[in-house]
N, C-alpha and C. Protein backbone atom coordinates (compact mmCIF):
# COMPACT_ATOMS: atom_id res chain seq x y z
N MET A 1 -5.11 33.05 -20.84
CA MET A 1 -4.81 34.22 -20.03
C MET A 1 -3.68 33.92 -19.05
N ILE A 2 -3.42 34.88 -18.20
CA ILE A 2 -2.33 34.75 -17.23
C ILE A 2 -2.62 33.66 -16.22
N TYR A 3 -3.90 33.48 -15.88
CA TYR A 3 -4.24 32.47 -14.88
C TYR A 3 -3.93 31.06 -15.38
N GLU A 4 -4.18 30.80 -16.64
CA GLU A 4 -3.89 29.48 -17.20
C GLU A 4 -2.39 29.23 -17.23
N GLU A 5 -1.61 30.24 -17.55
CA GLU A 5 -0.16 30.09 -17.55
C GLU A 5 0.35 29.86 -16.13
N THR A 6 -0.21 30.59 -15.18
CA THR A 6 0.18 30.42 -13.77
C THR A 6 -0.17 29.02 -13.30
N ARG A 7 -1.34 28.54 -13.65
CA ARG A 7 -1.74 27.19 -13.27
C ARG A 7 -0.80 26.15 -13.85
N GLY A 8 -0.39 26.35 -15.10
CA GLY A 8 0.52 25.42 -15.75
C GLY A 8 1.88 25.38 -15.06
N VAL A 9 2.40 26.55 -14.72
CA VAL A 9 3.70 26.62 -14.05
C VAL A 9 3.61 26.00 -12.66
N LEU A 10 2.54 26.30 -11.94
CA LEU A 10 2.35 25.74 -10.60
C LEU A 10 2.20 24.22 -10.66
N LYS A 11 1.50 23.73 -11.67
CA LYS A 11 1.33 22.28 -11.83
C LYS A 11 2.67 21.58 -12.03
N VAL A 12 3.50 22.14 -12.89
CA VAL A 12 4.82 21.55 -13.15
C VAL A 12 5.67 21.59 -11.88
N PHE A 13 5.63 22.72 -11.17
CA PHE A 13 6.40 22.86 -9.93
C PHE A 13 5.97 21.81 -8.91
N LEU A 14 4.67 21.67 -8.70
CA LEU A 14 4.17 20.71 -7.72
C LEU A 14 4.47 19.27 -8.13
N GLU A 15 4.38 18.98 -9.41
CA GLU A 15 4.73 17.63 -9.88
C GLU A 15 6.19 17.31 -9.55
N ASN A 16 7.07 18.28 -9.76
CA ASN A 16 8.49 18.07 -9.47
C ASN A 16 8.73 17.89 -7.97
N VAL A 17 8.09 18.70 -7.15
CA VAL A 17 8.26 18.60 -5.70
C VAL A 17 7.74 17.26 -5.21
N ILE A 18 6.57 16.85 -5.67
CA ILE A 18 5.99 15.58 -5.23
C ILE A 18 6.84 14.41 -5.69
N ARG A 19 7.31 14.46 -6.94
CA ARG A 19 8.17 13.38 -7.44
C ARG A 19 9.44 13.26 -6.61
N ASP A 20 10.08 14.39 -6.33
CA ASP A 20 11.31 14.36 -5.54
C ASP A 20 11.06 13.86 -4.12
N ALA A 21 9.95 14.28 -3.52
CA ALA A 21 9.63 13.85 -2.15
C ALA A 21 9.36 12.35 -2.11
N VAL A 22 8.63 11.84 -3.08
CA VAL A 22 8.33 10.41 -3.12
C VAL A 22 9.60 9.62 -3.38
N THR A 23 10.44 10.10 -4.28
CA THR A 23 11.71 9.41 -4.55
C THR A 23 12.57 9.34 -3.30
N HIS A 24 12.67 10.44 -2.58
CA HIS A 24 13.46 10.47 -1.34
C HIS A 24 12.87 9.51 -0.31
N THR A 25 11.56 9.53 -0.17
CA THR A 25 10.89 8.66 0.80
C THR A 25 11.10 7.19 0.46
N GLU A 26 10.99 6.84 -0.81
CA GLU A 26 11.22 5.45 -1.22
C GLU A 26 12.68 5.06 -1.00
N HIS A 27 13.59 5.96 -1.28
CA HIS A 27 15.02 5.66 -1.12
C HIS A 27 15.36 5.38 0.35
N THR A 28 14.71 6.08 1.25
CA THR A 28 14.97 5.88 2.68
C THR A 28 14.11 4.75 3.26
N LYS A 29 13.39 4.05 2.38
CA LYS A 29 12.56 2.90 2.76
C LYS A 29 11.48 3.26 3.78
N ARG A 30 10.92 4.43 3.61
CA ARG A 30 9.79 4.85 4.45
C ARG A 30 8.52 4.76 3.62
N LYS A 31 7.40 4.83 4.31
CA LYS A 31 6.12 4.73 3.61
C LYS A 31 5.33 6.03 3.64
N THR A 32 5.83 7.02 4.37
CA THR A 32 5.11 8.27 4.51
C THR A 32 5.99 9.45 4.12
N VAL A 33 5.46 10.31 3.26
CA VAL A 33 6.16 11.54 2.92
C VAL A 33 5.81 12.56 4.01
N THR A 34 6.83 13.10 4.65
CA THR A 34 6.59 14.07 5.73
C THR A 34 6.84 15.49 5.22
N ALA A 35 6.32 16.45 5.96
CA ALA A 35 6.53 17.85 5.61
C ALA A 35 8.01 18.22 5.67
N THR A 36 8.74 17.58 6.56
CA THR A 36 10.17 17.85 6.68
C THR A 36 10.90 17.49 5.40
N VAL A 37 10.55 16.38 4.80
CA VAL A 37 11.17 15.97 3.54
C VAL A 37 10.90 17.02 2.47
N VAL A 38 9.66 17.45 2.37
CA VAL A 38 9.29 18.43 1.35
C VAL A 38 10.00 19.76 1.62
N PHE A 39 10.09 20.14 2.88
CA PHE A 39 10.70 21.42 3.25
C PHE A 39 12.18 21.48 2.89
N TYR A 40 12.90 20.38 3.11
CA TYR A 40 14.33 20.38 2.88
C TYR A 40 14.75 20.02 1.46
N LEU A 41 13.80 19.74 0.59
CA LEU A 41 14.16 19.48 -0.80
C LEU A 41 14.66 20.77 -1.45
N PRO A 42 15.68 20.68 -2.28
CA PRO A 42 16.19 21.90 -2.93
C PRO A 42 15.23 22.44 -3.96
């Protein structure tokens, strides 16, 4: 149904956001992902 498709799209979106936030945090040699990092990701 539509809910399963929505869940799938949301899962992919969140995986991408989390991956990008962790990559940025590791690149800046920090240990904590902050809301600011997530907010400013494109």
